[in-house]
Amino acid sequence: MRGTPPWSWFAAAARSARLWLQELGGRTIALLAVAVVVVAAVAVTGYFLSRTDTGRRLPDTGARSHKDVDACLLTGEDGITAGTTAADVWRGMRDASLRTHARVSYVPVTGEQSAANAGPYLDGLLQRSCDVVLAAGSPEVEAAERAAPLHRTVGFVLVGDSGSGSRDTGSARHAGSGESSGNVTFARPGDGLRAEVADAVERQVGARG
């Protein structure tokens, strides 16, 4: 009505809203409140996503990936204990791995330290598809030297001053350090062993792509 004060309209609207809410009940009001919160959250999330750089990230090219070549070391029961010849061989293998990304591992021969006992351990490395086999220690070198002619696709690096004198591969006892015969490379313990092993492994890995 024309003579009705403006505040009366607000009062009437408030009463109507209160009656409407009372009719809805508490459960319905709670659901409406949840719906309002969800809508608000979606709106805020959409806003921030629209301001975020969604460009595809390039992979980290600095991450190291291994080459599909395995170099495996057969050692005596002391493994790669510091101060042993095998420890120097292992360091050389690690150096080569850093340059070529070849995988490196080692297995110690436990029990009797003989070529006969080392044989099954060597067979295990060959069955694991080791591409390069290194042997450090007299029994291990002897076993590897005997096996080399039977595994021509595998590169052998023999470290030590003893060998079986195999006619097919040459004698580790008389071969000069760094010399090769067939698929076997010989190396002798000494100050330059680490670098020599690293070079030998790197050559073997390079020959396999």
Foldseek 3Di string as FASTA:
>chain_A
DVPDDPVVVVVVVVVVVVVVVVVCDDVNVVVVVVVVVVVVVVVVVVVVVVVDDPDDDDDDPPDQDADPAEEEEEEEPVALPPPALNVLLVLLQVLLCVVHRHHYYYDYQDDDQALVSCQVVVVVCVVVVHQEYEYEDASRQANCVVCCVVCQRHAYEYEAQAYDQDPQWGTLNPDDAQDGGRRYHYHYDDDCRSNSSNVVVNVSVVVVD
